[in-house]
Amino acid sequence: MSIVKIQNGEIIMSSTTNNAHEVHIPVVDLTTEKSGCQCTCSGEKSNFTLTQEERVAIEAEKHHYEDPRAASIEALKIIQKHRGWVPDGAIYAISDILGISSGDVEGVATFYSQIYRQPVGRNIIRYCDSVVCFITGFHDILSAIESHLDIKPGQTTPDNRFTLLPTCCLGNCDKGPTMMINNDTHSHLTPESIPSLLERYL
């Protein structure tokens, strides 16, 4: 039989037959609301300031919805349109305007793959890594992109010209292998077509 008690912020479990043998488990306070995003961004929070244009645009979106959480994605898109990505401090700024937790905003930001939480290049390459595109030969296309740009998936070229990102599907399965550069879809790709295609994007 065991005795369980809480003392000095720990759960202490001991045996009734041998009190010398005790197990100490730190107590974690689960009642405290963790409303912040899952990142160490206190410095970002204090240093980040919305522009007047960003603030007005987000306020306008807020009034379009009964539930302010529904405006989160539009607010994130406003920030990204002006800055190219969504820094940590913007998560807190949006939560303040919408009156919701920063955790709610962060959840939306991380759910949508086209919201960028790190700086990206001027041109975003999204390559389809689905089974269909893999079968149709996208591995060779990816190798050609990596070779021409000297970057790996998730990386940006030193001149900030391209960022290479995977995506689960581009909805163009009958025309694979497929990729997108910004809003342009390119289908039936071959390794030989990659250099000239990339050179069209400055």
C-alpha atoms as a PDB file:
ATOM      1  CA  MET A   1       0.000   0.000   0.000  1.00  0.00           C
ATOM      2  CA  SER A   2       1.233   3.519  -0.782  1.00  0.00           C
ATOM      3  CA  ILE A   3       0.825   6.883   0.907  1.00  0.00           C
ATOM      4  CA  VAL A   4       0.484   9.927  -1.364  1.00  0.00           C
ATOM      5  CA  LYS A   5       0.973  13.467  -0.103  1.00  0.00           C
ATOM      6  CA  ILE A   6       1.817  16.897  -1.500  1.00  0.00           C
ATOM      7  CA  GLN A   7       4.631  18.785   0.154  1.00  0.00           C
ATOM      8  CA  ASN A   8       6.806  21.722  -0.958  1.00  0.00           C
ATOM      9  CA  GLY A   9       5.419  21.671  -4.474  1.00  0.00           C
ATOM     10  CA  GLU A  10       5.989  17.945  -5.003  1.00  0.00           C
ATOM     11  CA  ILE A  11       3.877  14.795  -4.982  1.00  0.00           C
ATOM     12  CA  ILE A  12       5.535  12.339  -2.582  1.00  0.00           C
ATOM     13  CA  MET A  13       4.669   8.658  -2.844  1.00  0.00           C
ATOM     14  CA  SER A  14       5.930   6.298  -0.133  1.00  0.00           C
ATOM     15  CA  SER A  15       5.354   2.690   0.808  1.00  0.00           C
ATOM     16  CA  THR A  16       3.647   1.861   4.137  1.00  0.00           C
ATOM     17  CA  THR A  17       6.077  -0.987   4.573  1.00  0.00           C
ATOM     18  CA  ASN A  18       9.192   1.041   3.883  1.00  0.00           C
ATOM     19  CA  ASN A  19       8.869   4.805   4.381  1.00  0.00           C
ATOM     20  CA  ALA A  20      12.508   5.261   3.507  1.00  0.00           C
ATOM     21  CA  HIS A  21      11.637   4.573  -0.116  1.00  0.00           C
ATOM     22  CA  GLU A  22       9.924   7.653  -1.526  1.00  0.00           C
ATOM     23  CA  VAL A  23       9.229   8.906  -5.035  1.00  0.00           C
ATOM     24  CA  HIS A  24       9.156  12.691  -5.547  1.00  0.00           C
ATOM     25  CA  ILE A  25       7.242  14.071  -8.568  1.00  0.00           C
ATOM     26  CA  PRO A  26       7.190  17.836  -9.282  1.00  0.00           C
ATOM     27  CA  VAL A  27       3.702  19.313  -9.374  1.00  0.00           C
ATOM     28  CA  VAL A  28       2.746  21.027 -12.645  1.00  0.00           C
ATOM     29  CA  ASP A  29       0.045  23.665 -12.312  1.00  0.00           C
ATOM     30  CA  LEU A  30      -2.472  22.761 -14.987  1.00  0.00           C
ATOM     31  CA  THR A  31      -4.958  25.419 -13.909  1.00  0.00           C
ATOM     32  CA  THR A  32      -2.902  28.309 -15.242  1.00  0.00           C
ATOM     33  CA  GLU A  33      -4.000  29.281 -18.754  1.00  0.00           C
ATOM     34  CA  LYS A  34      -1.237  29.104 -21.296  1.00  0.00           C
ATOM     35  CA  SER A  35      -2.483  31.708 -23.742  1.00  0.00           C
ATOM     36  CA  GLY A  36       0.794  32.567 -25.435  1.00  0.00           C
ATOM     37  CA  CYS A  37       2.185  31.010 -28.580  1.00  0.00           C
ATOM     38  CA  GLN A  38       4.587  28.102 -28.276  1.00  0.00           C
ATOM     39  CA  CYS A  39       7.724  30.144 -28.799  1.00  0.00           C
ATOM     40  CA  THR A  40      10.164  32.316 -26.875  1.00  0.00           C
ATOM     41  CA  CYS A  41       9.058  35.614 -28.288  1.00  0.00           C
ATOM     42  CA  SER A  42       8.831  38.035 -25.348  1.00  0.00           C
ATOM     43  CA  GLY A  43      11.445  40.238 -26.987  1.00  0.00           C
ATOM     44  CA  GLU A  44       9.541  40.135 -30.269  1.00  0.00           C
ATOM     45  CA  LYS A  45       6.350  41.116 -28.452  1.00  0.00           C
ATOM     46  CA  SER A  46       7.850  44.231 -26.897  1.00  0.00           C
ATOM     47  CA  ASN A  47       9.720  45.300 -30.039  1.00  0.00           C
ATOM     48  CA  PHE A  48       6.945  44.732 -32.576  1.00  0.00           C
ATOM     49  CA  THR A  49       4.653  47.566 -33.663  1.00  0.00           C
ATOM     50  CA  LEU A  50       1.880  47.436 -36.231  1.00  0.00           C
ATOM     51  CA  THR A  51       1.810  50.153 -38.852  1.00  0.00           C
ATOM     52  CA  GLN A  52      -1.271  52.355 -38.900  1.00  0.00           C
ATOM     53  CA  GLU A  53      -2.290  50.806 -42.210  1.00  0.00           C
ATOM     54  CA  GLU A  54      -2.044  47.279 -40.783  1.00  0.00           C
ATOM     55  CA  ARG A  55      -3.984  48.194 -37.656  1.00  0.00           C
ATOM     56  CA  VAL A  56      -6.817  49.880 -39.591  1.00  0.00           C
ATOM     57  CA  ALA A  57      -7.086  46.926 -41.986  1.00  0.00           C
ATOM     58  CA  ILE A  58      -7.250  44.375 -39.150  1.00  0.00           C
ATOM     59  CA  GLU A  59      -9.822  46.449 -37.263  1.00  0.00           C
ATOM     60  CA  ALA A  60     -11.942  46.568 -40.424  1.00  0.00           C
ATOM     61  CA  GLU A  61     -11.788  42.773 -40.796  1.00  0.00           C
ATOM     62  CA  LYS A  62     -12.736  42.310 -37.146  1.00  0.00           C
ATOM     63  CA  HIS A  63     -16.096  44.017 -37.706  1.00  0.00           C
ATOM     64  CA  HIS A  64     -16.996  41.605 -40.507  1.00  0.00           C
ATOM     65  CA  TYR A  65     -17.334  38.632 -38.136  1.00  0.00           C
ATOM     66  CA  GLU A  66     -19.473  37.849 -35.096  1.00  0.00           C
ATOM     67  CA  ASP A  67     -16.680  35.721 -33.635  1.00  0.00           C
ATOM     68  CA  PRO A  68     -13.372  37.655 -33.751  1.00  0.00           C
ATOM     69  CA  ARG A  69     -11.445  34.383 -34.053  1.00  0.00           C
ATOM     70  CA  ALA A  70     -12.848  34.052 -37.566  1.00  0.00           C
ATOM     71  CA  ALA A  71     -10.896  37.178 -38.536  1.00  0.00           C
ATOM     72  CA  SER A  72      -7.566  35.616 -37.543  1.00  0.00           C
ATOM     73  CA  ILE A  73      -6.650  34.308 -40.981  1.00  0.00           C
ATOM     74  CA  GLU A  74      -7.449  37.640 -42.653  1.00  0.00           C
ATOM     75  CA  ALA A  75      -5.390  39.495 -40.048  1.00  0.00           C
ATOM     76  CA  LEU A  76      -2.454  37.155 -40.651  1.00  0.00           C
ATOM     77  CA  LYS A  77      -2.754  37.677 -44.407  1.00  0.00           C
ATOM     78  CA  ILE A  78      -2.683  41.452 -43.881  1.00  0.00           C
ATOM     79  CA  ILE A  79       0.574  41.205 -41.938  1.00  0.00           C
ATOM     80  CA  GLN A  80       2.108  38.874 -44.498  1.00  0.00           C
ATOM     81  CA  LYS A  81       1.070  41.103 -47.397  1.00  0.00           C
ATOM     82  CA  HIS A  82       2.947  44.040 -45.863  1.00  0.00           C
ATOM     83  CA  ARG A  83       5.956  42.219 -44.419  1.00  0.00           C
ATOM     84  CA  GLY A  84       6.328  39.062 -46.475  1.00  0.00           C
ATOM     85  CA  TRP A  85       5.949  36.834 -43.393  1.00  0.00           C
ATOM     86  CA  VAL A  86       4.387  36.825 -39.916  1.00  0.00           C
ATOM     87  CA  PRO A  87       6.867  37.553 -37.090  1.00  0.00           C
ATOM     88  CA  ASP A  88       6.209  36.376 -33.532  1.00  0.00           C
ATOM     89  CA  GLY A  89       5.298  39.855 -32.331  1.00  0.00           C
ATOM     90  CA  ALA A  90       2.498  40.056 -34.883  1.00  0.00           C
ATOM     91  CA  ILE A  91       0.780  37.101 -33.209  1.00  0.00           C
ATOM     92  CA  TYR A  92       0.431  39.120 -29.989  1.00  0.00           C
ATOM     93  CA  ALA A  93      -0.556  42.296 -31.830  1.00  0.00           C
ATOM     94  CA  ILE A  94      -3.346  40.480 -33.669  1.00  0.00           C
ATOM     95  CA  SER A  95      -4.568  38.843 -30.458  1.00  0.00           C
ATOM     96  CA  ASP A  96      -4.736  42.256 -28.756  1.00  0.00           C
ATOM     97  CA  ILE A  97      -6.834  43.776 -31.545  1.00  0.00           C
ATOM     98  CA  LEU A  98      -9.174  40.797 -31.891  1.00  0.00           C
ATOM     99  CA  GLY A  99      -9.468  40.251 -28.143  1.00  0.00           C
ATOM    100  CA  ILE A 100      -8.530  36.571 -28.324  1.00  0.00           C
ATOM    101  CA  SER A 101      -5.592  34.573 -26.989  1.00  0.00           C
ATOM    102  CA  SER A 102      -2.285  34.555 -28.841  1.00  0.00           C
ATOM    103  CA  GLY A 103      -2.547  30.761 -28.744  1.00  0.00           C
ATOM    104  CA  ASP A 104      -5.673  30.950 -30.915  1.00  0.00           C
ATOM    105  CA  VAL A 105      -3.875  33.151 -33.440  1.00  0.00           C
ATOM    106  CA  GLU A 106      -0.787  30.929 -33.422  1.00  0.00           C
ATOM    107  CA  GLY A 107      -2.972  27.877 -34.015  1.00  0.00           C
ATOM    108  CA  VAL A 108      -4.395  29.428 -37.170  1.00  0.00           C
ATOM    109  CA  ALA A 109      -0.954  30.585 -38.335  1.00  0.00           C
ATOM    110  CA  THR A 110       0.571  27.126 -38.005  1.00  0.00           C
ATOM    111  CA  PHE A 111      -2.433  25.346 -39.555  1.00  0.00           C
ATOM    112  CA  TYR A 112      -2.265  27.179 -42.885  1.00  0.00           C
ATOM    113  CA  SER A 113       0.861  26.288 -44.860  1.00  0.00           C
ATOM    114  CA  GLN A 114       0.737  29.522 -46.852  1.00  0.00           C
ATOM    115  CA  ILE A 115       1.194  31.647 -43.738  1.00  0.00           C
ATOM    116  CA  TYR A 116       4.946  31.990 -43.347  1.00  0.00           C
ATOM    117  CA  ARG A 117       6.334  32.120 -39.813  1.00  0.00           C
ATOM    118  CA  GLN A 118       9.895  32.664 -41.018  1.00  0.00           C
ATOM    119  CA  PRO A 119      11.290  35.101 -43.602  1.00  0.00           C
ATOM    120  CA  VAL A 120      10.965  33.819 -47.172  1.00  0.00           C
ATOM    121  CA  GLY A 121      12.340  34.784 -50.553  1.00  0.00           C
ATOM    122  CA  ARG A 122      10.701  36.929 -53.205  1.00  0.00           C
ATOM    123  CA  ASN A 123       9.548  33.824 -55.073  1.00  0.00           C
ATOM    124  CA  ILE A 124       8.040  30.816 -53.304  1.00  0.00           C
ATOM    125  CA  ILE A 125       8.467  27.432 -54.973  1.00  0.00           C
ATOM    126  CA  ARG A 126       5.908  24.918 -53.713  1.00  0.00           C
ATOM    127  CA  TYR A 127       6.591  21.428 -54.953  1.00  0.00           C
ATOM    128  CA  CYS A 128       4.063  18.633 -54.615  1.00  0.00           C
ATOM    129  CA  ASP A 129       5.398  15.729 -52.560  1.00  0.00           C
ATOM    130  CA  SER A 130       2.277  13.563 -52.859  1.00  0.00           C
ATOM    131  CA  VAL A 131       2.440   9.928 -53.935  1.00  0.00           C
ATOM    132  CA  VAL A 132       1.091  10.730 -57.407  1.00  0.00           C
ATOM    133  CA  CYS A 133       3.767  13.310 -58.201  1.00  0.00           C
ATOM    134  CA  PHE A 134       6.414  11.028 -56.714  1.00  0.00           C
ATOM    135  CA  ILE A 135       5.327   8.230 -59.057  1.00  0.00           C
ATOM    136  CA  THR A 136       5.393  10.576 -62.050  1.00  0.00           C
ATOM    137  CA  GLY A 137       8.986  11.509 -61.326  1.00  0.00           C
ATOM    138  CA  PHE A 138       9.072  14.522 -59.059  1.00  0.00           C
ATOM    139  CA  HIS A 139      12.173  13.264 -57.266  1.00  0.00           C
ATOM    140  CA  ASP A 140      14.168  14.121 -60.403  1.00  0.00           C
ATOM    141  CA  ILE A 141      12.496  17.537 -60.591  1.00  0.00           C
ATOM    142  CA  LEU A 142      13.365  18.275 -56.970  1.00  0.00           C
ATOM    143  CA  SER A 143      16.972  17.223 -57.576  1.00  0.00           C
ATOM    144  CA  ALA A 144      17.155  19.607 -60.540  1.00  0.00           C
ATOM    145  CA  ILE A 145      15.791  22.489 -58.437  1.00  0.00           C
ATOM    146  CA  GLU A 146      18.199  21.767 -55.585  1.00  0.00           C
ATOM    147  CA  SER A 147      21.121  21.553 -57.998  1.00  0.00           C
ATOM    148  CA  HIS A 148      20.257  24.768 -59.842  1.00  0.00           C
ATOM    149  CA  LEU A 149      19.562  26.854 -56.729  1.00  0.00           C
ATOM    150  CA  ASP A 150      21.939  25.085 -54.333  1.00  0.00           C
ATOM    151  CA  ILE A 151      19.303  24.889 -51.579  1.00  0.00           C
ATOM    152  CA  LYS A 152      17.298  22.167 -49.858  1.00  0.00           C
ATOM    153  CA  PRO A 153      13.568  22.127 -48.982  1.00  0.00           C
ATOM    154  CA  GLY A 154      12.802  24.742 -46.348  1.00  0.00           C
ATOM    155  CA  GLN A 155      15.762  26.907 -47.340  1.00  0.00           C
ATOM    156  CA  THR A 156      16.060  30.289 -49.066  1.00  0.00           C
ATOM    157  CA  THR A 157      18.731  31.294 -51.557  1.00  0.00           C
ATOM    158  CA  PRO A 158      21.359  33.727 -50.197  1.00  0.00           C
ATOM    159  CA  ASP A 159      20.044  36.488 -52.478  1.00  0.00           C
ATOM    160  CA  ASN A 160      16.488  35.974 -51.124  1.00  0.00           C
ATOM    161  CA  ARG A 161      15.288  35.202 -54.618  1.00  0.00           C
ATOM    162  CA  PHE A 162      13.732  31.775 -53.952  1.00  0.00           C
ATOM    163  CA  THR A 163      12.375  29.756 -51.044  1.00  0.00           C
ATOM    164  CA  LEU A 164      11.739  26.041 -51.622  1.00  0.00           C
ATOM    165  CA  LEU A 165       8.811  24.509 -49.727  1.00  0.00           C
ATOM    166  CA  PRO A 166       6.962  21.169 -49.914  1.00  0.00           C
ATOM    167  CA  THR A 167       3.189  20.940 -50.044  1.00  0.00           C
ATOM    168  CA  CYS A 168       0.984  17.870 -49.713  1.00  0.00           C
ATOM    169  CA  CYS A 169      -0.980  18.338 -52.953  1.00  0.00           C
ATOM    170  CA  LEU A 170      -1.551  21.021 -55.567  1.00  0.00           C
ATOM    171  CA  GLY A 171      -4.754  19.463 -56.919  1.00  0.00           C
ATOM    172  CA  ASN A 172      -3.203  18.850 -60.322  1.00  0.00           C
ATOM    173  CA  CYS A 173      -2.636  15.115 -60.077  1.00  0.00           C
ATOM    174  CA  ASP A 174      -3.406  14.308 -63.721  1.00  0.00           C
ATOM    175  CA  LYS A 175      -0.654  16.656 -64.894  1.00  0.00           C
ATOM    176  CA  GLY A 176       2.207  15.695 -62.602  1.00  0.00           C
ATOM    177  CA  PRO A 177       4.889  16.261 -61.765  1.00  0.00           C
ATOM    178  CA  THR A 178       3.671  19.710 -60.745  1.00  0.00           C
ATOM    179  CA  MET A 179       4.925  22.694 -58.784  1.00  0.00           C
ATOM    180  CA  MET A 180       3.874  26.277 -58.144  1.00  0.00           C
ATOM    181  CA  ILE A 181       6.022  29.389 -58.205  1.00  0.00           C
ATOM    182  CA  ASN A 182       4.108  32.135 -56.436  1.00  0.00           C
ATOM    183  CA  ASN A 183       0.610  31.879 -57.979  1.00  0.00           C
ATOM    184  CA  ASP A 184       1.729  30.185 -61.195  1.00  0.00           C
ATOM    185  CA  THR A 185       1.194  26.437 -61.650  1.00  0.00           C
ATOM    186  CA  HIS A 186       3.669  24.498 -63.797  1.00  0.00           C
ATOM    187  CA  SER A 187       2.779  20.981 -64.934  1.00  0.00           C
ATOM    188  CA  HIS A 188       4.335  18.070 -66.848  1.00  0.00           C
ATOM    189  CA  LEU A 189       7.750  19.185 -65.637  1.00  0.00           C
ATOM    190  CA  THR A 190      11.036  17.663 -66.745  1.00  0.00           C
ATOM    191  CA  PRO A 191      14.457  18.115 -65.122  1.00  0.00           C
ATOM    192  CA  GLU A 192      15.696  19.791 -68.300  1.00  0.00           C
ATOM    193  CA  SER A 193      12.978  22.470 -68.128  1.00  0.00           C
ATOM    194  CA  ILE A 194      13.857  23.646 -64.621  1.00  0.00           C
ATOM    195  CA  PRO A 195      16.773  26.070 -65.275  1.00  0.00           C
ATOM    196  CA  SER A 196      14.953  28.113 -67.931  1.00  0.00           C
ATOM    197  CA  LEU A 197      11.743  28.081 -65.883  1.00  0.00           C
ATOM    198  CA  LEU A 198      13.447  29.436 -62.769  1.00  0.00           C
ATOM    199  CA  GLU A 199      15.227  32.142 -64.739  1.00  0.00           C
ATOM    200  CA  ARG A 200      11.840  33.678 -65.554  1.00  0.00           C
ATOM    201  CA  TYR A 201      11.453  34.713 -61.906  1.00  0.00           C
ATOM    202  CA  LEU A 202      13.671  37.600 -60.798  1.00  0.00           C
END
